[in-house]
Amino acid sequence: MAFHEEKIKSQLIMLAAQFVAREASRQSIITVTGISLSRDGNHATVLCTVLPEAKEAEAIDFLRRQRTDFYQFVLNYTKGRKTPLFDFSIDVGEKSRQRLDKLFTDDKLSHDSK
């Protein structure tokens, strides 16, 4: 992956995190974990995790309703640059990693207590 693409992704992650922190309710904790950018740079998916898990669908629905506002928010910080259209999605890979970490920790604790 090119340095330029990594720089763009890093900036978009930072902006998404700022936007979510400003706009989201306090009913759940939404964490921006990554950005998936299309090859042509015209589309980007903001990857998130949500706690509690039971609030995931509600949180993603909220974020998807905020896409236009998020697009405008990004435009304010990236003047003159091509800005992708955005979508929001649960970061399934991060959820799997967290489950594995929990399983490993739980297993380690049960072995240590024996």
C-alpha atoms as a PDB file:
ATOM      1  CA  MET A   1       0.000   0.000   0.000  1.00  0.00           C
ATOM      2  CA  ALA A   2       1.331   3.410  -0.946  1.00  0.00           C
ATOM      3  CA  PHE A   3       2.362   5.924   1.686  1.00  0.00           C
ATOM      4  CA  HIS A   4      -0.142   8.430   0.264  1.00  0.00           C
ATOM      5  CA  GLU A   5      -3.041   5.993   0.730  1.00  0.00           C
ATOM      6  CA  GLU A   6      -1.972   5.234   4.309  1.00  0.00           C
ATOM      7  CA  LYS A   7      -1.822   8.964   5.056  1.00  0.00           C
ATOM      8  CA  ILE A   8      -5.343   9.454   3.650  1.00  0.00           C
ATOM      9  CA  LYS A   9      -6.682   6.501   5.662  1.00  0.00           C
ATOM     10  CA  SER A  10      -5.041   7.790   8.834  1.00  0.00           C
ATOM     11  CA  GLN A  11      -6.573  11.234   8.370  1.00  0.00           C
ATOM     12  CA  LEU A  12     -10.016   9.775   7.630  1.00  0.00           C
ATOM     13  CA  ILE A  13      -9.858   7.561  10.749  1.00  0.00           C
ATOM     14  CA  MET A  14      -8.977  10.595  12.870  1.00  0.00           C
ATOM     15  CA  LEU A  15     -11.801  12.663  11.355  1.00  0.00           C
ATOM     16  CA  ALA A  16     -14.308   9.824  11.741  1.00  0.00           C
ATOM     17  CA  ALA A  17     -13.347   9.377  15.402  1.00  0.00           C
ATOM     18  CA  GLN A  18     -13.783  13.125  16.034  1.00  0.00           C
ATOM     19  CA  PHE A  19     -17.136  13.167  14.258  1.00  0.00           C
ATOM     20  CA  VAL A  20     -18.454  10.101  16.100  1.00  0.00           C
ATOM     21  CA  ALA A  21     -17.310  11.478  19.467  1.00  0.00           C
ATOM     22  CA  ARG A  22     -19.134  14.738  18.736  1.00  0.00           C
ATOM     23  CA  GLU A  23     -22.352  13.329  17.246  1.00  0.00           C
ATOM     24  CA  ALA A  24     -23.035   9.975  18.910  1.00  0.00           C
ATOM     25  CA  SER A  25     -25.253   9.639  21.950  1.00  0.00           C
ATOM     26  CA  ARG A  26     -23.870   8.243  25.161  1.00  0.00           C
ATOM     27  CA  GLN A  27     -26.091   5.137  24.978  1.00  0.00           C
ATOM     28  CA  SER A  28     -23.207   3.158  23.514  1.00  0.00           C
ATOM     29  CA  ILE A  29     -19.477   3.441  22.980  1.00  0.00           C
ATOM     30  CA  ILE A  30     -18.604   3.635  19.291  1.00  0.00           C
ATOM     31  CA  THR A  31     -14.946   3.200  18.409  1.00  0.00           C
ATOM     32  CA  VAL A  32     -13.610   3.852  14.911  1.00  0.00           C
ATOM     33  CA  THR A  33     -11.165   1.026  14.182  1.00  0.00           C
ATOM     34  CA  GLY A  34     -10.306   1.482  10.519  1.00  0.00           C
ATOM     35  CA  ILE A  35     -11.176   2.599   7.010  1.00  0.00           C
ATOM     36  CA  SER A  36     -11.670   0.456   3.950  1.00  0.00           C
ATOM     37  CA  LEU A  37     -10.980   2.561   0.851  1.00  0.00           C
ATOM     38  CA  SER A  38     -11.987   1.504  -2.669  1.00  0.00           C
ATOM     39  CA  ARG A  39      -9.222   1.249  -5.281  1.00  0.00           C
ATOM     40  CA  ASP A  40     -10.399   4.377  -7.071  1.00  0.00           C
ATOM     41  CA  GLY A  41     -10.806   6.287  -3.803  1.00  0.00           C
ATOM     42  CA  ASN A  42     -14.456   7.113  -4.536  1.00  0.00           C
ATOM     43  CA  HIS A  43     -15.909   5.058  -1.668  1.00  0.00           C
ATOM     44  CA  ALA A  44     -14.826   4.459   1.902  1.00  0.00           C
ATOM     45  CA  THR A  45     -16.285   2.345   4.672  1.00  0.00           C
ATOM     46  CA  VAL A  46     -15.657   3.493   8.224  1.00  0.00           C
ATOM     47  CA  LEU A  47     -15.164   0.382  10.388  1.00  0.00           C
ATOM     48  CA  CYS A  48     -16.406   0.535  13.978  1.00  0.00           C
ATOM     49  CA  THR A  49     -16.938  -1.478  17.100  1.00  0.00           C
ATOM     50  CA  VAL A  50     -19.859  -0.813  19.444  1.00  0.00           C
ATOM     51  CA  LEU A  51     -20.305  -1.559  23.134  1.00  0.00           C
ATOM     52  CA  PRO A  52     -22.606  -2.926  24.304  1.00  0.00           C
ATOM     53  CA  GLU A  53     -22.909  -5.304  21.357  1.00  0.00           C
ATOM     54  CA  ALA A  54     -26.704  -5.210  21.657  1.00  0.00           C
ATOM     55  CA  LYS A  55     -26.563  -1.568  20.437  1.00  0.00           C
ATOM     56  CA  GLU A  56     -24.618  -2.327  17.211  1.00  0.00           C
ATOM     57  CA  ALA A  57     -27.541  -2.170  14.788  1.00  0.00           C
ATOM     58  CA  GLU A  58     -28.862   1.006  16.368  1.00  0.00           C
ATOM     59  CA  ALA A  59     -25.429   2.657  16.279  1.00  0.00           C
ATOM     60  CA  ILE A  60     -24.735   1.720  12.643  1.00  0.00           C
ATOM     61  CA  ASP A  61     -28.207   2.929  11.616  1.00  0.00           C
ATOM     62  CA  PHE A  62     -27.501   6.237  13.361  1.00  0.00           C
ATOM     63  CA  LEU A  63     -24.105   6.608  11.676  1.00  0.00           C
ATOM     64  CA  ARG A  64     -25.550   5.789   8.266  1.00  0.00           C
ATOM     65  CA  ARG A  65     -28.154   8.527   8.737  1.00  0.00           C
ATOM     66  CA  GLN A  66     -25.241  10.898   9.447  1.00  0.00           C
ATOM     67  CA  ARG A  67     -23.315  10.116   6.218  1.00  0.00           C
ATOM     68  CA  THR A  68     -24.103  13.453   4.552  1.00  0.00           C
ATOM     69  CA  ASP A  69     -23.072  15.395   7.660  1.00  0.00           C
ATOM     70  CA  PHE A  70     -19.902  13.334   7.944  1.00  0.00           C
ATOM     71  CA  TYR A  71     -19.102  13.974   4.267  1.00  0.00           C
ATOM     72  CA  GLN A  72     -19.460  17.740   4.883  1.00  0.00           C
ATOM     73  CA  PHE A  73     -17.345  17.444   8.048  1.00  0.00           C
ATOM     74  CA  VAL A  74     -14.566  15.751   6.055  1.00  0.00           C
ATOM     75  CA  LEU A  75     -14.823  18.341   3.259  1.00  0.00           C
ATOM     76  CA  ASN A  76     -14.131  21.095   5.798  1.00  0.00           C
ATOM     77  CA  TYR A  77     -10.769  19.487   6.640  1.00  0.00           C
ATOM     78  CA  THR A  78      -9.724  18.229   3.210  1.00  0.00           C
ATOM     79  CA  LYS A  79     -10.308  21.237   0.991  1.00  0.00           C
ATOM     80  CA  GLY A  80      -9.225  20.644  -2.571  1.00  0.00           C
ATOM     81  CA  ARG A  81      -8.873  16.882  -2.190  1.00  0.00           C
ATOM     82  CA  LYS A  82     -11.092  14.205  -3.632  1.00  0.00           C
ATOM     83  CA  THR A  83     -13.455  13.091  -0.891  1.00  0.00           C
ATOM     84  CA  PRO A  84     -15.013   9.612  -1.038  1.00  0.00           C
ATOM     85  CA  LEU A  85     -18.627   8.761  -0.340  1.00  0.00           C
ATOM     86  CA  PHE A  86     -18.881   7.095   3.056  1.00  0.00           C
ATOM     87  CA  ASP A  87     -20.597   4.130   4.604  1.00  0.00           C
ATOM     88  CA  PHE A  88     -20.322   2.755   8.145  1.00  0.00           C
ATOM     89  CA  SER A  89     -19.997  -0.893   9.130  1.00  0.00           C
ATOM     90  CA  ILE A  90     -19.129  -3.101  12.084  1.00  0.00           C
ATOM     91  CA  ASP A  91     -15.484  -4.184  12.031  1.00  0.00           C
ATOM     92  CA  VAL A  92     -16.035  -7.944  12.020  1.00  0.00           C
ATOM     93  CA  GLY A  93     -12.296  -8.671  12.046  1.00  0.00           C
ATOM     94  CA  GLU A  94     -11.798  -6.594  15.186  1.00  0.00           C
ATOM     95  CA  LYS A  95     -14.764  -8.291  16.879  1.00  0.00           C
ATOM     96  CA  SER A  96     -13.228 -11.702  16.092  1.00  0.00           C
ATOM     97  CA  ARG A  97      -9.868 -10.585  17.476  1.00  0.00           C
ATOM     98  CA  GLN A  98     -11.533  -9.365  20.678  1.00  0.00           C
ATOM     99  CA  ARG A  99     -13.374 -12.681  21.095  1.00  0.00           C
ATOM    100  CA  LEU A 100     -10.135 -14.617  20.645  1.00  0.00           C
ATOM    101  CA  ASP A 101      -8.409 -12.373  23.184  1.00  0.00           C
ATOM    102  CA  LYS A 102     -11.225 -12.988  25.663  1.00  0.00           C
ATOM    103  CA  LEU A 103     -11.141 -16.754  25.088  1.00  0.00           C
ATOM    104  CA  PHE A 104      -7.366 -16.784  25.536  1.00  0.00           C
ATOM    105  CA  THR A 105      -7.563 -14.667  28.695  1.00  0.00           C
ATOM    106  CA  ASP A 106     -10.402 -16.745  30.162  1.00  0.00           C
ATOM    107  CA  ASP A 107      -8.526 -19.981  29.363  1.00  0.00           C
ATOM    108  CA  LYS A 108      -5.297 -18.621  30.846  1.00  0.00           C
ATOM    109  CA  LEU A 109      -7.107 -17.527  34.021  1.00  0.00           C
ATOM    110  CA  SER A 110      -8.747 -20.937  34.434  1.00  0.00           C
ATOM    111  CA  HIS A 111      -5.381 -22.694  34.020  1.00  0.00           C
ATOM    112  CA  ASP A 112      -3.626 -20.288  36.408  1.00  0.00           C
ATOM    113  CA  SER A 113      -6.214 -20.890  39.124  1.00  0.00           C
ATOM    114  CA  LYS A 114      -5.598 -24.655  39.110  1.00  0.00           C
END
